[in-house]
Amino acid sequence: MIRCARGGGNNSAFEALQQLDVAAFIVTGALSVDVAAARIVAQTALVAQVPMASIMSVTARGYAATIAPHQDVELPFDFFPERTVHLRASASAGLASGYVKPGSLSLP
């Protein structure tokens, strides 16, 4: 079961989490995220939603993946000395046991 709030960067984390390392699973029998594949998929999902954003980092540990996207945004007014702000965010998704059938997911 995948637990993740959907929307924005969380969709990227959700997509990244689905990139399982099959070779590691065959060797160890434990699920883990393929970080290289997760980074590519997360960037693709993020750009589809927010074209000017990019990924600063993708981390994966066992059953969880976290992405840290950022974007520079130009302000539409002259109130502050700097007209550009740097926005940063973080989104995570995690695998949990308990998937039984479609519709059985219990998201927080």
N, C-alpha and C. Protein backbone atom coordinates (compact mmCIF):
# COMPACT_ATOMS: atom_id res chain seq x y z
N MET A 1 0.85 -1.15 0.00
CA MET A 1 0.00 0.00 0.00
C MET A 1 0.90 1.22 0.00
N ILE A 2 0.55 2.23 -0.76
CA ILE A 2 1.31 3.47 -0.81
C ILE A 2 0.51 4.54 -0.09
N ARG A 3 1.14 5.17 0.89
CA ARG A 3 0.49 6.26 1.61
C ARG A 3 1.13 7.57 1.18
N CYS A 4 0.32 8.46 0.67
CA CYS A 4 0.85 9.74 0.20
C CYS A 4 -0.31 10.69 -0.05
N ALA A 5 -0.19 11.90 0.46
CA ALA A 5 -1.17 12.92 0.11
C ALA A 5 -0.91 13.30 -1.34
N ARG A 6 -1.94 13.33 -2.16
CA ARG A 6 -1.77 13.61 -3.58
C ARG A 6 -1.82 15.11 -3.84
N GLY A 7 -1.08 15.56 -4.84
CA GLY A 7 -1.11 16.96 -5.25
C GLY A 7 0.27 17.58 -5.23
N GLY A 8 0.55 18.43 -6.22
CA GLY A 8 1.82 19.15 -6.28
C GLY A 8 3.02 18.23 -6.24
N GLY A 9 3.99 18.56 -5.38
CA GLY A 9 5.21 17.77 -5.25
C GLY A 9 4.95 16.38 -4.74
N ASN A 10 3.83 16.20 -4.02
CA ASN A 10 3.53 14.87 -3.52
C ASN A 10 3.29 13.88 -4.65
N ASN A 11 2.75 14.34 -5.77
CA ASN A 11 2.61 13.44 -6.91
C ASN A 11 3.97 12.96 -7.38
N SER A 12 4.95 13.83 -7.35
CA SER A 12 6.31 13.45 -7.74
C SER A 12 6.88 12.41 -6.79
N ALA A 13 6.66 12.60 -5.50
CA ALA A 13 7.12 11.63 -4.50
C ALA A 13 6.40 10.30 -4.70
N PHE A 14 5.12 10.36 -4.97
CA PHE A 14 4.33 9.16 -5.22
C PHE A 14 4.87 8.39 -6.42
N GLU A 15 5.15 9.11 -7.50
CA GLU A 15 5.70 8.48 -8.70
C GLU A 15 7.10 7.91 -8.42
N ALA A 16 7.92 8.65 -7.69
CA ALA A 16 9.28 8.20 -7.37
C ALA A 16 9.25 6.92 -6.56
N LEU A 17 8.33 6.85 -5.62
CA LEU A 17 8.26 5.69 -4.74
C LEU A 17 7.96 4.40 -5.49
N GLN A 18 7.32 4.51 -6.63
CA GLN A 18 6.96 3.32 -7.40
C GLN A 18 8.12 2.73 -8.18
N GLN A 19 9.29 3.37 -8.13
CA GLN A 19 10.47 2.89 -8.84
C GLN A 19 11.24 1.92 -7.94
N LEU A 20 10.79 0.70 -7.91
CA LEU A 20 11.40 -0.30 -7.03
C LEU A 20 12.67 -0.88 -7.64
N ASP A 21 13.63 -1.18 -6.80
CA ASP A 21 14.90 -1.77 -7.22
C ASP A 21 14.71 -3.28 -7.29
N VAL A 22 14.41 -3.77 -8.47
CA VAL A 22 14.11 -5.19 -8.67
C VAL A 22 15.33 -6.06 -8.38
N ALA A 23 16.52 -5.62 -8.79
CA ALA A 23 17.74 -6.40 -8.55
C ALA A 23 17.97 -6.60 -7.05
N ALA A 24 17.79 -5.52 -6.27
CA ALA A 24 17.95 -5.64 -4.81
C ALA A 24 16.90 -6.57 -4.22
N PHE A 25 15.69 -6.52 -4.75
CA PHE A 25 14.63 -7.40 -4.25
C PHE A 25 14.96 -8.87 -4.52
N ILE A 26 15.49 -9.15 -5.70
CA ILE A 26 15.86 -10.54 -6.04
C ILE A 26 16.95 -11.05 -5.11
N VAL A 27 17.93 -10.20 -4.81
CA VAL A 27 19.06 -10.60 -3.97
C VAL A 27 18.67 -10.68 -2.50
N THR A 28 17.97 -9.66 -2.00
CA THR A 28 17.71 -9.58 -0.55
C THR A 28 16.30 -9.98 -0.14
N GLY A 29 15.35 -9.93 -1.09
CA GLY A 29 13.96 -10.22 -0.75
C GLY A 29 13.26 -9.05 -0.08
N ALA A 30 13.93 -7.90 -0.01
CA ALA A 30 13.34 -6.71 0.61
C ALA A 30 13.09 -5.64 -0.45
N LEU A 31 11.96 -4.95 -0.33
CA LEU A 31 11.65 -3.87 -1.25
C LEU A 31 12.49 -2.64 -0.93
N SER A 32 12.98 -2.00 -1.97
CA SER A 32 13.68 -0.72 -1.80
C SER A 32 13.47 0.08 -3.07
N VAL A 33 13.69 1.38 -2.98
CA VAL A 33 13.48 2.29 -4.10
C VAL A 33 14.78 2.45 -4.89
N ASP A 34 14.68 2.39 -6.21
CA ASP A 34 15.80 2.65 -7.11
C ASP A 34 15.94 4.18 -7.21
N VAL A 35 16.92 4.75 -6.53
CA VAL A 35 17.05 6.20 -6.42
C VAL A 35 17.27 6.86 -7.78
N ALA A 36 18.08 6.26 -8.64
CA ALA A 36 18.35 6.86 -9.95
C ALA A 36 17.07 6.93 -10.78
N ALA A 37 16.31 5.86 -10.82
CA ALA A 37 15.04 5.85 -11.55
C ALA A 37 14.03 6.78 -10.88
N ALA A 38 14.04 6.83 -9.56
CA ALA A 38 13.11 7.70 -8.82
C ALA A 38 13.36 9.16 -9.16
N ARG A 39 14.63 9.56 -9.27
CA ARG A 39 14.96 10.96 -9.59
C ARG A 39 14.41 11.33 -10.97
N ILE A 40 14.59 10.47 -11.95
CA ILE A 40 14.12 10.74 -13.32
C ILE A 40 12.60 10.86 -13.34
N VAL A 41 11.92 9.92 -12.72
CA VAL A 41 10.46 9.92 -12.72
C VAL A 41 9.90 11.10 -11.93
N ALA A 42 10.52 11.42 -10.80
CA ALA A 42 10.06 12.55 -9.99
C ALA A 42 10.21 13.86 -10.76
N GLN A 43 11.34 14.05 -11.43
CA GLN A 43 11.55 15.27 -12.22
C GLN A 43 10.53 15.37 -13.34
N THR A 44 10.27 14.27 -14.02
CA THR A 44 9.28 14.26 -15.11
C THR A 44 7.89 14.61 -14.59
N ALA A 45 7.50 14.01 -13.47
CA ALA A 45 6.17 14.28 -12.89
C ALA A 45 6.07 15.72 -12.42
N LEU A 46 7.14 16.25 -11.82
CA LEU A 46 7.12 17.62 -11.32
C LEU A 46 7.03 18.62 -12.47
N VAL A 47 7.82 18.43 -13.51
CA VAL A 47 7.82 19.34 -14.65
C VAL A 47 6.46 19.33 -15.36
N ALA A 48 5.79 18.20 -15.37
CA ALA A 48 4.46 18.13 -15.98
C ALA A 48 3.47 19.03 -15.23
N GLN A 49 3.66 19.20 -13.93
CA GLN A 49 2.75 20.00 -13.12
C GLN A 49 3.24 21.43 -12.95
N VAL A 50 4.54 21.60 -12.76
CA VAL A 50 5.13 22.92 -12.51
C VAL A 50 6.38 23.04 -13.39
N PRO A 51 6.21 23.50 -14.63
CA PRO A 51 7.31 23.49 -15.59
C PRO A 51 8.59 24.21 -15.16
N MET A 52 8.49 25.24 -14.34
CA MET A 52 9.67 26.00 -13.96
C MET A 52 10.37 25.44 -12.72
N ALA A 53 9.84 24.41 -12.13
CA ALA A 53 10.44 23.82 -10.92
C ALA A 53 11.46 22.75 -11.30
N SER A 54 12.36 22.48 -10.36
CA SER A 54 13.32 21.39 -10.56
C SER A 54 13.57 20.72 -9.22
N ILE A 55 14.17 19.55 -9.27
CA ILE A 55 14.42 18.74 -8.08
C ILE A 55 15.81 19.06 -7.53
N MET A 56 15.88 19.42 -6.24
CA MET A 56 17.17 19.61 -5.57
C MET A 56 17.73 18.27 -5.13
N SER A 57 16.85 17.41 -4.57
CA SER A 57 17.33 16.11 -4.10
C SER A 57 16.20 15.09 -4.08
N VAL A 58 16.60 13.84 -4.21
CA VAL A 58 15.70 12.70 -4.04
C VAL A 58 16.41 11.75 -3.09
N THR A 59 15.76 11.42 -1.99
CA THR A 59 16.34 10.45 -1.06
C THR A 59 15.36 9.29 -0.92
N ALA A 60 15.92 8.13 -0.76
CA ALA A 60 15.10 6.94 -0.58
C ALA A 60 15.76 6.05 0.46
N ARG A 61 14.95 5.62 1.40
CA ARG A 61 15.43 4.69 2.42
C ARG A 61 14.39 3.61 2.58
N GLY A 62 14.73 2.44 2.09
CA GLY A 62 13.82 1.31 2.23
C GLY A 62 12.45 1.57 1.65
N TYR A 63 11.48 1.81 2.50
CA TYR A 63 10.09 1.94 2.09
C TYR A 63 9.62 3.38 1.92
N ALA A 64 10.51 4.34 1.88
CA ALA A 64 10.10 5.74 1.79
C ALA A 64 10.96 6.51 0.79
N ALA A 65 10.34 7.49 0.15
CA ALA A 65 11.05 8.37 -0.77
C ALA A 65 10.67 9.81 -0.44
N THR A 66 11.65 10.70 -0.49
CA THR A 66 11.42 12.12 -0.26
C THR A 66 12.05 12.91 -1.38
N ILE A 67 11.31 13.86 -1.92
CA ILE A 67 11.87 14.75 -2.93
C ILE A 67 11.88 16.17 -2.38
N ALA A 68 12.83 16.96 -2.84
CA ALA A 68 12.93 18.37 -2.44
C ALA A 68 13.00 19.21 -3.71
N PRO A 69 11.85 19.72 -4.17
CA PRO A 69 11.85 20.58 -5.36
C PRO A 69 12.08 22.04 -4.99
N HIS A 70 12.46 22.85 -5.98
CA HIS A 70 12.62 24.29 -5.76
C HIS A 70 12.25 25.03 -7.04
N GLN A 71 11.97 26.32 -6.88
CA GLN A 71 11.62 27.15 -8.02
C GLN A 71 11.91 28.61 -7.68
N ASP A 72 12.46 29.34 -8.63
CA ASP A 72 12.63 30.78 -8.48
C ASP A 72 11.41 31.45 -9.10
N VAL A 73 10.79 32.37 -8.35
CA VAL A 73 9.58 33.05 -8.81
C VAL A 73 9.80 34.55 -8.76
N GLU A 74 9.48 35.22 -9.85
CA GLU A 74 9.59 36.67 -9.88
C GLU A 74 8.31 37.27 -9.33
N LEU A 75 8.46 38.18 -8.37
CA LEU A 75 7.31 38.82 -7.75
C LEU A 75 6.70 39.86 -8.69
N PRO A 76 5.38 39.98 -8.68
CA PRO A 76 4.72 40.92 -9.60
C PRO A 76 4.65 42.36 -9.08
N PHE A 77 5.40 42.67 -8.02
CA PHE A 77 5.37 44.02 -7.45
C PHE A 77 6.76 44.40 -6.95
N ASP A 78 6.96 45.70 -6.66
CA ASP A 78 8.27 46.22 -6.24
C ASP A 78 8.38 46.46 -4.74
N PHE A 79 7.59 45.82 -3.95
CA PHE A 79 7.56 46.10 -2.52
C PHE A 79 8.86 45.70 -1.82
N PHE A 80 9.49 44.60 -2.23
CA PHE A 80 10.72 44.12 -1.63
C PHE A 80 11.90 44.48 -2.53
N PRO A 81 13.10 44.65 -1.94
CA PRO A 81 14.28 44.96 -2.76
C PRO A 81 14.57 43.87 -3.80
N GLU A 82 14.40 42.64 -3.42
CA GLU A 82 14.61 41.52 -4.35
C GLU A 82 13.30 41.20 -5.03
N ARG A 83 13.29 41.15 -6.34
CA ARG A 83 12.06 40.86 -7.08
C ARG A 83 11.88 39.36 -7.31
N THR A 84 12.89 38.55 -6.97
CA THR A 84 12.82 37.11 -7.16
C THR A 84 12.93 36.41 -5.82
N VAL A 85 12.07 35.44 -5.59
CA VAL A 85 12.14 34.64 -4.37
C VAL A 85 12.43 33.19 -4.76
N HIS A 86 13.12 32.50 -3.89
CA HIS A 86 13.49 31.09 -4.09
C HIS A 86 12.57 30.25 -3.21
N LEU A 87 11.69 29.49 -3.82
CA LEU A 87 10.75 28.64 -3.09
C LEU A 87 11.30 27.22 -3.01
N ARG A 88 11.22 26.63 -1.82
CA ARG A 88 11.64 25.25 -1.61
C ARG A 88 10.51 24.48 -0.94
N ALA A 89 10.45 23.20 -1.21
CA ALA A 89 9.42 22.35 -0.60
C ALA A 89 9.99 20.96 -0.37
N SER A 90 9.21 20.14 0.28
CA SER A 90 9.60 18.75 0.51
C SER A 90 8.33 17.91 0.46
N ALA A 91 8.41 16.76 -0.17
CA ALA A 91 7.26 15.86 -0.24
C ALA A 91 7.77 14.43 -0.05
N SER A 92 7.01 13.65 0.70
CA SER A 92 7.40 12.27 0.98
C SER A 92 6.26 11.32 0.69
N ALA A 93 6.63 10.09 0.41
CA ALA A 93 5.66 9.02 0.23
C ALA A 93 6.28 7.76 0.81
N GLY A 94 5.46 6.85 1.29
CA GLY A 94 5.98 5.63 1.89
C GLY A 94 5.12 4.42 1.58
N LEU A 95 5.76 3.28 1.51
CA LEU A 95 5.05 2.01 1.32
C LEU A 95 4.64 1.48 2.68
N ALA A 96 3.47 0.87 2.74
CA ALA A 96 3.02 0.24 3.97
C ALA A 96 2.36 -1.08 3.61
N SER A 97 2.51 -2.06 4.46
CA SER A 97 1.88 -3.35 4.17
C SER A 97 0.37 -3.22 4.36
N GLY A 98 -0.37 -4.10 3.71
CA GLY A 98 -1.81 -4.12 3.93
C GLY A 98 -2.66 -3.97 2.70
N TYR A 99 -2.08 -3.89 1.51
CA TYR A 99 -2.89 -3.81 0.30
C TYR A 99 -3.62 -5.13 0.11
N VAL A 100 -4.91 -5.04 -0.04
CA VAL A 100 -5.71 -6.23 -0.23
C VAL A 100 -6.33 -6.23 -1.61
N LYS A 101 -6.99 -5.16 -1.98
CA LYS A 101 -7.64 -5.04 -3.30
C LYS A 101 -7.86 -3.56 -3.57
N PRO A 102 -8.12 -3.20 -4.84
CA PRO A 102 -8.43 -1.80 -5.12
C PRO A 102 -9.59 -1.32 -4.26
N GLY A 103 -9.45 -0.14 -3.72
CA GLY A 103 -10.50 0.40 -2.87
C GLY A 103 -10.27 0.10 -1.40
N SER A 104 -9.25 -0.72 -1.07
CA SER A 104 -9.01 -1.06 0.33
C SER A 104 -7.98 -0.14 0.97
N LEU A 105 -7.47 0.83 0.20
CA LEU A 105 -6.46 1.73 0.74
C LEU A 105 -7.09 2.66 1.77
N SER A 106 -6.43 2.82 2.89
CA SER A 106 -6.89 3.75 3.91
C SER A 106 -5.85 4.85 4.06
N LEU A 107 -6.10 5.98 3.42
CA LEU A 107 -5.16 7.09 3.45
C LEU A 107 -5.50 8.02 4.59
N PRO A 108 -4.48 8.60 5.23
CA PRO A 108 -4.75 9.52 6.34
C PRO A 108 -5.42 10.80 5.87
